[in-house]
C-alpha atoms as a PDB file:
ATOM      1  CA  MET A   1      20.989  -4.170  36.640  1.00  0.00           C
ATOM      2  CA  GLU A   2      20.296  -7.741  35.492  1.00  0.00           C
ATOM      3  CA  GLY A   3      16.578  -7.242  35.996  1.00  0.00           C
ATOM      4  CA  ASP A   4      16.641  -4.058  33.918  1.00  0.00           C
ATOM      5  CA  ALA A   5      18.460  -5.847  31.097  1.00  0.00           C
ATOM      6  CA  GLN A   6      15.947  -8.697  31.157  1.00  0.00           C
ATOM      7  CA  HIS A   7      13.044  -6.251  31.114  1.00  0.00           C
ATOM      8  CA  THR A   8      14.508  -4.300  28.177  1.00  0.00           C
ATOM      9  CA  ALA A   9      15.182  -7.473  26.175  1.00  0.00           C
ATOM     10  CA  GLU A  10      11.664  -8.766  26.799  1.00  0.00           C
ATOM     11  CA  ALA A  11      10.159  -5.418  25.799  1.00  0.00           C
ATOM     12  CA  VAL A  12      12.166  -5.360  22.561  1.00  0.00           C
ATOM     13  CA  ALA A  13      11.155  -8.941  21.791  1.00  0.00           C
ATOM     14  CA  ARG A  14       7.473  -8.094  22.243  1.00  0.00           C
ATOM     15  CA  ARG A  15       7.726  -4.857  20.306  1.00  0.00           C
ATOM     16  CA  SER A  16      10.139  -5.630  17.493  1.00  0.00           C
ATOM     17  CA  TYR A  17      10.714  -9.375  17.010  1.00  0.00           C
ATOM     18  CA  GLY A  18       8.915  -9.619  13.686  1.00  0.00           C
ATOM     19  CA  LYS A  19      10.428  -6.400  12.429  1.00  0.00           C
ATOM     20  CA  LEU A  20      13.943  -7.573  13.281  1.00  0.00           C
ATOM     21  CA  VAL A  21      13.481 -10.952  11.604  1.00  0.00           C
ATOM     22  CA  ALA A  22      11.999  -9.293   8.525  1.00  0.00           C
ATOM     23  CA  PHE A  23      14.942  -6.963   8.164  1.00  0.00           C
ATOM     24  CA  LEU A  24      17.520  -9.685   8.768  1.00  0.00           C
ATOM     25  CA  ALA A  25      15.949 -12.033   6.229  1.00  0.00           C
ATOM     26  CA  ALA A  26      15.172  -9.407   3.596  1.00  0.00           C
ATOM     27  CA  ARG A  27      18.400  -9.994   1.664  1.00  0.00           C
ATOM     28  CA  THR A  28      19.409 -13.539   2.560  1.00  0.00           C
ATOM     29  CA  ARG A  29      15.840 -14.956   2.333  1.00  0.00           C
ATOM     30  CA  ASP A  30      16.703 -17.458   5.042  1.00  0.00           C
ATOM     31  CA  VAL A  31      14.146 -17.080   7.818  1.00  0.00           C
ATOM     32  CA  ALA A  32      15.529 -19.882   9.980  1.00  0.00           C
ATOM     33  CA  ALA A  33      19.043 -18.411   9.875  1.00  0.00           C
ATOM     34  CA  ALA A  34      17.667 -14.958  10.710  1.00  0.00           C
ATOM     35  CA  GLU A  35      15.786 -16.362  13.709  1.00  0.00           C
ATOM     36  CA  ASP A  36      18.873 -18.228  14.919  1.00  0.00           C
ATOM     37  CA  ALA A  37      21.048 -15.124  14.597  1.00  0.00           C
ATOM     38  CA  LEU A  38      18.505 -13.000  16.430  1.00  0.00           C
ATOM     39  CA  SER A  39      18.224 -15.574  19.209  1.00  0.00           C
ATOM     40  CA  GLU A  40      22.015 -15.465  19.644  1.00  0.00           C
ATOM     41  CA  ALA A  41      21.910 -11.672  19.660  1.00  0.00           C
ATOM     42  CA  PHE A  42      19.353 -11.706  22.475  1.00  0.00           C
ATOM     43  CA  ALA A  43      21.538 -14.164  24.391  1.00  0.00           C
ATOM     44  CA  SER A  44      24.486 -11.783  23.967  1.00  0.00           C
ATOM     45  CA  ALA A  45      22.330  -8.905  25.183  1.00  0.00           C
ATOM     46  CA  LEU A  46      21.373 -10.766  28.349  1.00  0.00           C
ATOM     47  CA  SER A  47      25.065 -11.443  28.955  1.00  0.00           C
ATOM     48  CA  GLU A  48      26.404  -7.955  28.211  1.00  0.00           C
ATOM     49  CA  TRP A  49      23.660  -5.507  29.155  1.00  0.00           C
ATOM     50  CA  PRO A  50      23.742  -6.310  32.895  1.00  0.00           C
ATOM     51  CA  ARG A  51      27.444  -5.257  32.861  1.00  0.00           C
ATOM     52  CA  THR A  52      27.357  -2.350  30.399  1.00  0.00           C
ATOM     53  CA  GLY A  53      23.779  -1.155  30.660  1.00  0.00           C
ATOM     54  CA  ALA A  54      21.145  -1.402  27.928  1.00  0.00           C
ATOM     55  CA  PRO A  55      22.017   0.704  24.858  1.00  0.00           C
ATOM     56  CA  ASP A  56      20.007   3.769  23.898  1.00  0.00           C
ATOM     57  CA  ASN A  57      18.787   1.958  20.792  1.00  0.00           C
ATOM     58  CA  PRO A  58      18.496  -1.732  21.732  1.00  0.00           C
ATOM     59  CA  GLU A  59      16.954  -2.717  18.380  1.00  0.00           C
ATOM     60  CA  ALA A  60      19.936  -1.308  16.457  1.00  0.00           C
ATOM     61  CA  TRP A  61      22.343  -3.066  18.874  1.00  0.00           C
ATOM     62  CA  LEU A  62      20.572  -6.370  18.325  1.00  0.00           C
ATOM     63  CA  MET A  63      20.562  -5.889  14.558  1.00  0.00           C
ATOM     64  CA  THR A  64      24.296  -5.236  14.474  1.00  0.00           C
ATOM     65  CA  VAL A  65      25.071  -8.310  16.574  1.00  0.00           C
ATOM     66  CA  ALA A  66      22.608 -10.512  14.665  1.00  0.00           C
ATOM     67  CA  ARG A  67      24.079  -9.535  11.295  1.00  0.00           C
ATOM     68  CA  ARG A  68      27.527 -10.462  12.521  1.00  0.00           C
ATOM     69  CA  LYS A  69      26.134 -13.761  13.766  1.00  0.00           C
ATOM     70  CA  LEU A  70      24.732 -14.360  10.275  1.00  0.00           C
ATOM     71  CA  ILE A  71      28.147 -13.762   8.747  1.00  0.00           C
ATOM     72  CA  ASP A  72      29.787 -16.110  11.249  1.00  0.00           C
ATOM     73  CA  ALA A  73      27.177 -18.820  10.639  1.00  0.00           C
ATOM     74  CA  SER A  74      27.504 -18.527   6.882  1.00  0.00           C
ATOM     75  CA  ARG A  75      31.279 -18.739   7.159  1.00  0.00           C
ATOM     76  CA  ARG A  76      30.980 -21.912   9.257  1.00  0.00           C
ATOM     77  CA  ARG A  77      28.554 -23.547   6.818  1.00  0.00           C
ATOM     78  CA  LYS A  78      30.502 -22.759   3.670  1.00  0.00           C
ATOM     79  CA  THR A  79      34.149 -22.567   2.810  1.00  0.00           C
ATOM     80  CA  GLY A  80      36.115 -21.355  -0.179  1.00  0.00           C
ATOM     81  CA  ALA A  81      34.660 -19.518  -3.149  1.00  0.00           C
ATOM     82  CA  GLY A  82      31.165 -20.873  -2.576  1.00  0.00           C
ATOM     83  CA  ALA A  83      30.824 -18.827   0.592  1.00  0.00           C
ATOM     84  CA  GLU A  84      31.850 -15.488  -0.872  1.00  0.00           C
ATOM     85  CA  PRO A  85      28.581 -14.342  -2.507  1.00  0.00           C
ATOM     86  CA  GLN A  86      26.536 -14.922   0.660  1.00  0.00           C
ATOM     87  CA  LEU A  87      29.155 -13.363   2.919  1.00  0.00           C
ATOM     88  CA  GLN A  88      29.459 -10.362   0.632  1.00  0.00           C
ATOM     89  CA  LEU A  89      25.694  -9.912   0.588  1.00  0.00           C
ATOM     90  CA  ILE A  90      25.443  -9.849   4.378  1.00  0.00           C
ATOM     91  CA  ALA A  91      28.534  -7.685   4.788  1.00  0.00           C
ATOM     92  CA  GLU A  92      27.177  -5.087   2.372  1.00  0.00           C
ATOM     93  CA  GLU A  93      23.896  -5.019   4.272  1.00  0.00           C
ATOM     94  CA  LEU A  94      25.793  -4.572   7.533  1.00  0.00           C
ATOM     95  CA  GLY A  95      27.914  -1.727   6.224  1.00  0.00           C
ATOM     96  CA  ALA A  96      25.053   0.075   4.519  1.00  0.00           C
ATOM     97  CA  SER A  97      22.696   0.164   7.475  1.00  0.00           C
ATOM     98  CA  GLU A  98      24.801  -0.017  10.620  1.00  0.00           C
ATOM     99  CA  THR A  99      23.278   3.167  12.023  1.00  0.00           C
ATOM    100  CA  MET A 100      20.019   3.519  10.088  1.00  0.00           C
ATOM    101  CA  ASP A 101      16.599   3.195  11.670  1.00  0.00           C
ATOM    102  CA  ILE A 102      14.950  -0.168  11.140  1.00  0.00           C
ATOM    103  CA  PRO A 103      12.056   0.205   8.701  1.00  0.00           C
ATOM    104  CA  ASP A 104       8.727  -1.517   9.307  1.00  0.00           C
ATOM    105  CA  GLN A 105       8.914  -4.501   6.952  1.00  0.00           C
ATOM    106  CA  ARG A 106       6.511  -6.734   8.811  1.00  0.00           C
ATOM    107  CA  LEU A 107       3.665  -6.430   6.322  1.00  0.00           C
ATOM    108  CA  ALA A 108       6.064  -7.265   3.488  1.00  0.00           C
ATOM    109  CA  LEU A 109       7.182 -10.373   5.358  1.00  0.00           C
ATOM    110  CA  MET A 110       3.560 -11.324   6.039  1.00  0.00           C
ATOM    111  CA  PHE A 111       2.778 -11.267   2.334  1.00  0.00           C
ATOM    112  CA  ALA A 112       6.024 -13.123   1.581  1.00  0.00           C
ATOM    113  CA  CYS A 113       4.945 -15.874   3.997  1.00  0.00           C
ATOM    114  CA  ALA A 114       1.706 -16.109   1.995  1.00  0.00           C
ATOM    115  CA  HIS A 115       3.628 -16.807  -1.231  1.00  0.00           C
ATOM    116  CA  PRO A 116       1.874 -19.393  -3.460  1.00  0.00           C
ATOM    117  CA  ALA A 117       5.008 -21.571  -3.402  1.00  0.00           C
ATOM    118  CA  ILE A 118       4.334 -22.210   0.306  1.00  0.00           C
ATOM    119  CA  GLU A 119       1.737 -24.797   1.273  1.00  0.00           C
ATOM    120  CA  GLU A 120      -1.552 -22.981   1.782  1.00  0.00           C
ATOM    121  CA  SER A 121      -2.345 -24.536   5.167  1.00  0.00           C
ATOM    122  CA  VAL A 122       0.918 -23.325   6.724  1.00  0.00           C
ATOM    123  CA  ARG A 123       0.933 -19.727   5.431  1.00  0.00           C
ATOM    124  CA  ALA A 124      -1.001 -18.202   8.340  1.00  0.00           C
ATOM    125  CA  PRO A 125       0.864 -20.240  11.003  1.00  0.00           C
ATOM    126  CA  LEU A 126       4.164 -19.174   9.420  1.00  0.00           C
ATOM    127  CA  ILE A 127       3.130 -15.523   9.672  1.00  0.00           C
ATOM    128  CA  LEU A 128       2.178 -16.013  13.323  1.00  0.00           C
ATOM    129  CA  GLN A 129       5.573 -17.463  14.205  1.00  0.00           C
ATOM    130  CA  VAL A 130       7.925 -15.448  12.004  1.00  0.00           C
ATOM    131  CA  VAL A 131       6.273 -12.034  12.112  1.00  0.00           C
ATOM    132  CA  LEU A 132       4.415 -12.051  15.418  1.00  0.00           C
ATOM    133  CA  GLY A 133       6.704 -14.315  17.427  1.00  0.00           C
ATOM    134  CA  LEU A 134       4.129 -16.845  18.648  1.00  0.00           C
ATOM    135  CA  ASN A 135       5.472 -20.263  19.589  1.00  0.00           C
ATOM    136  CA  ALA A 136       4.456 -23.498  17.905  1.00  0.00           C
ATOM    137  CA  GLU A 137       2.348 -24.625  20.875  1.00  0.00           C
ATOM    138  CA  THR A 138       0.219 -21.482  20.803  1.00  0.00           C
ATOM    139  CA  ILE A 139      -0.132 -21.619  17.032  1.00  0.00           C
ATOM    140  CA  ALA A 140      -1.052 -25.309  17.124  1.00  0.00           C
ATOM    141  CA  SER A 141      -3.915 -24.628  19.539  1.00  0.00           C
ATOM    142  CA  SER A 142      -5.355 -22.047  17.139  1.00  0.00           C
ATOM    143  CA  PHE A 143      -5.295 -24.504  14.232  1.00  0.00           C
ATOM    144  CA  LEU A 144      -6.350 -27.614  16.159  1.00  0.00           C
ATOM    145  CA  THR A 145      -3.186 -29.632  15.662  1.00  0.00           C
ATOM    146  CA  SER A 146      -0.327 -30.871  17.830  1.00  0.00           C
ATOM    147  CA  PRO A 147       2.695 -28.678  18.615  1.00  0.00           C
ATOM    148  CA  ALA A 148       5.033 -31.324  17.165  1.00  0.00           C
ATOM    149  CA  ALA A 149       3.146 -31.461  13.876  1.00  0.00           C
ATOM    150  CA  MET A 150       2.991 -27.687  13.663  1.00  0.00           C
ATOM    151  CA  SER A 151       6.730 -27.369  14.349  1.00  0.00           C
ATOM    152  CA  LYS A 152       7.542 -29.761  11.501  1.00  0.00           C
ATOM    153  CA  ARG A 153       5.303 -27.865   9.087  1.00  0.00           C
ATOM    154  CA  LEU A 154       6.906 -24.556  10.015  1.00  0.00           C
ATOM    155  CA  VAL A 155      10.426 -25.912   9.573  1.00  0.00           C
ATOM    156  CA  ARG A 156       9.526 -27.246   6.125  1.00  0.00           C
ATOM    157  CA  ALA A 157       8.014 -23.895   5.133  1.00  0.00           C
ATOM    158  CA  LYS A 158      11.145 -21.964   6.126  1.00  0.00           C
ATOM    159  CA  GLU A 159      13.286 -24.392   4.149  1.00  0.00           C
ATOM    160  CA  LYS A 160      11.005 -23.800   1.163  1.00  0.00           C
ATOM    161  CA  ILE A 161      11.557 -20.047   1.461  1.00  0.00           C
ATOM    162  CA  ARG A 162      15.312 -20.546   1.530  1.00  0.00           C
ATOM    163  CA  GLN A 163      15.478 -23.036  -1.330  1.00  0.00           C
ATOM    164  CA  ALA A 164      13.089 -21.129  -3.589  1.00  0.00           C
ATOM    165  CA  GLY A 165      14.627 -17.740  -2.803  1.00  0.00           C
ATOM    166  CA  ILE A 166      11.205 -16.270  -2.053  1.00  0.00           C
ATOM    167  CA  PRO A 167      11.605 -12.464  -1.892  1.00  0.00           C
ATOM    168  CA  PHE A 168      10.500 -10.516   1.183  1.00  0.00           C
ATOM    169  CA  GLU A 169       8.631  -7.723  -0.524  1.00  0.00           C
ATOM    170  CA  VAL A 170       5.031  -6.648  -0.879  1.00  0.00           C
ATOM    171  CA  PRO A 171       3.965  -8.316  -4.140  1.00  0.00           C
ATOM    172  CA  GLY A 172       2.457  -6.441  -7.062  1.00  0.00           C
ATOM    173  CA  ARG A 173      -1.079  -5.200  -6.548  1.00  0.00           C
ATOM    174  CA  GLU A 174      -2.401  -7.849  -8.914  1.00  0.00           C
ATOM    175  CA  ASP A 175      -0.999 -10.576  -6.622  1.00  0.00           C
ATOM    176  CA  LEU A 176      -2.270  -9.187  -3.330  1.00  0.00           C
ATOM    177  CA  PRO A 177      -5.804 -10.646  -3.385  1.00  0.00           C
ATOM    178  CA  THR A 178      -4.514 -14.234  -3.629  1.00  0.00           C
ATOM    179  CA  ARG A 179      -2.333 -13.731  -0.547  1.00  0.00           C
ATOM    180  CA  LEU A 180      -4.630 -11.569   1.544  1.00  0.00           C
ATOM    181  CA  SER A 181      -6.647 -14.425   3.024  1.00  0.00           C
ATOM    182  CA  ALA A 182      -3.632 -15.960   4.762  1.00  0.00           C
ATOM    183  CA  VAL A 183      -2.516 -12.577   6.079  1.00  0.00           C
ATOM    184  CA  LEU A 184      -5.960 -11.870   7.512  1.00  0.00           C
ATOM    185  CA  ASP A 185      -6.261 -15.395   8.953  1.00  0.00           C
ATOM    186  CA  ALA A 186      -3.045 -14.764  10.859  1.00  0.00           C
ATOM    187  CA  ILE A 187      -4.243 -11.363  12.054  1.00  0.00           C
ATOM    188  CA  TYR A 188      -7.561 -12.825  13.268  1.00  0.00           C
ATOM    189  CA  ALA A 189      -5.821 -15.713  15.058  1.00  0.00           C
ATOM    190  CA  ALA A 190      -3.340 -13.379  16.755  1.00  0.00           C
ATOM    191  CA  PHE A 191      -6.099 -10.994  17.801  1.00  0.00           C
ATOM    192  CA  THR A 192      -8.025 -13.904  19.321  1.00  0.00           C
ATOM    193  CA  GLU A 193      -4.919 -15.026  21.194  1.00  0.00           C
ATOM    194  CA  GLY A 194      -4.427 -11.495  22.495  1.00  0.00           C
ATOM    195  CA  TRP A 195      -7.928 -11.488  23.918  1.00  0.00           C
ATOM    196  CA  THR A 196      -7.477 -14.714  25.893  1.00  0.00           C
ATOM    197  CA  ASP A 197      -6.514 -12.369  28.729  1.00  0.00           C
ATOM    198  CA  PRO A 198      -9.620 -10.128  28.952  1.00  0.00           C
ATOM    199  CA  ALA A 199      -8.421  -8.392  32.124  1.00  0.00           C
ATOM    200  CA  GLY A 200      -5.341  -7.132  30.303  1.00  0.00           C
ATOM    201  CA  THR A 201      -2.920  -8.335  32.976  1.00  0.00           C
ATOM    202  CA  ASP A 202      -0.588 -10.132  30.527  1.00  0.00           C
ATOM    203  CA  ALA A 203       1.620  -7.480  28.908  1.00  0.00           C
ATOM    204  CA  ALA A 204       2.666  -9.760  26.043  1.00  0.00           C
ATOM    205  CA  ARG A 205      -0.935 -10.490  25.038  1.00  0.00           C
ATOM    206  CA  ARG A 206      -1.909  -6.861  25.472  1.00  0.00           C
ATOM    207  CA  ASP A 207       0.942  -5.777  23.204  1.00  0.00           C
ATOM    208  CA  LEU A 208      -0.008  -8.472  20.686  1.00  0.00           C
ATOM    209  CA  THR A 209      -3.541  -7.123  20.385  1.00  0.00           C
ATOM    210  CA  GLY A 210      -2.291  -3.628  19.664  1.00  0.00           C
ATOM    211  CA  GLU A 211       0.276  -4.977  17.206  1.00  0.00           C
ATOM    212  CA  VAL A 212      -2.209  -6.914  15.093  1.00  0.00           C
ATOM    213  CA  LEU A 213      -4.647  -3.997  15.037  1.00  0.00           C
ATOM    214  CA  PHE A 214      -1.818  -1.861  13.655  1.00  0.00           C
ATOM    215  CA  LEU A 215      -1.011  -4.497  11.018  1.00  0.00           C
ATOM    216  CA  ALA A 216      -4.687  -4.792  10.109  1.00  0.00           C
ATOM    217  CA  HIS A 217      -4.716  -1.033   9.593  1.00  0.00           C
ATOM    218  CA  LEU A 218      -1.671  -1.321   7.305  1.00  0.00           C
ATOM    219  CA  ALA A 219      -3.372  -4.069   5.298  1.00  0.00           C
ATOM    220  CA  THR A 220      -6.459  -1.886   4.921  1.00  0.00           C
ATOM    221  CA  GLU A 221      -4.363   1.032   3.701  1.00  0.00           C
ATOM    222  CA  LEU A 222      -2.644  -1.252   1.204  1.00  0.00           C
ATOM    223  CA  MET A 223      -5.955  -2.625  -0.107  1.00  0.00           C
ATOM    224  CA  PRO A 224      -8.614   0.031   0.592  1.00  0.00           C
ATOM    225  CA  ASP A 225     -11.114  -1.463  -1.865  1.00  0.00           C
ATOM    226  CA  GLU A 226     -10.914  -4.998  -0.510  1.00  0.00           C
ATOM    227  CA  PRO A 227     -14.018  -5.728   1.624  1.00  0.00           C
ATOM    228  CA  GLU A 228     -12.309  -8.551   3.567  1.00  0.00           C
ATOM    229  CA  ALA A 229      -9.510  -6.229   4.715  1.00  0.00           C
ATOM    230  CA  LEU A 230     -12.006  -3.562   5.791  1.00  0.00           C
ATOM    231  CA  ARG A 231     -13.784  -6.030   8.068  1.00  0.00           C
END
């Protein structure tokens, strides 16, 4: 039973991590808090699923738990009237979508991570971590820097998103070309990482390759006249 729970959690993480973070952060615009809440939700899953069995819709289960973790974390950080707007925002999101299917918001989050307010050199690495779930060590190797330096840059970028209230939405068509380069850089880097296992024996890397090809297809559909996306 424990092995089945672990397998299900790992499969969901490979398949839906970026989608879950995107949905959690869509309203609060706090990527770090969304990641923390999702991490706690996965920990709860590994504790509960071996006893109760994995739910029919594990993504929805994780979303429900993660949203509640967000509310709890916000309540701990803030007290009194200052906490109410944030708590109300998360609570409304929880009540409105408790049972709904999770939409694919990854491309929106990718373009949000390429916002001009974020340092240009960290936009693609931020996409790789937040949307595609790669760790700082893997990302650092792709951009020829140390894991420690990359971790610091990513933390600063997430704080920038929170402080500036950067929206997680696909920008207007007139703004897409200025953000496309970072999105495609991330897609290329992730595709390269996926192909470091040419025999296809690593399920995570195999899934990553398919994921970034799907996202590349979405980017092409969004910008059909952009030669760089078509490549």
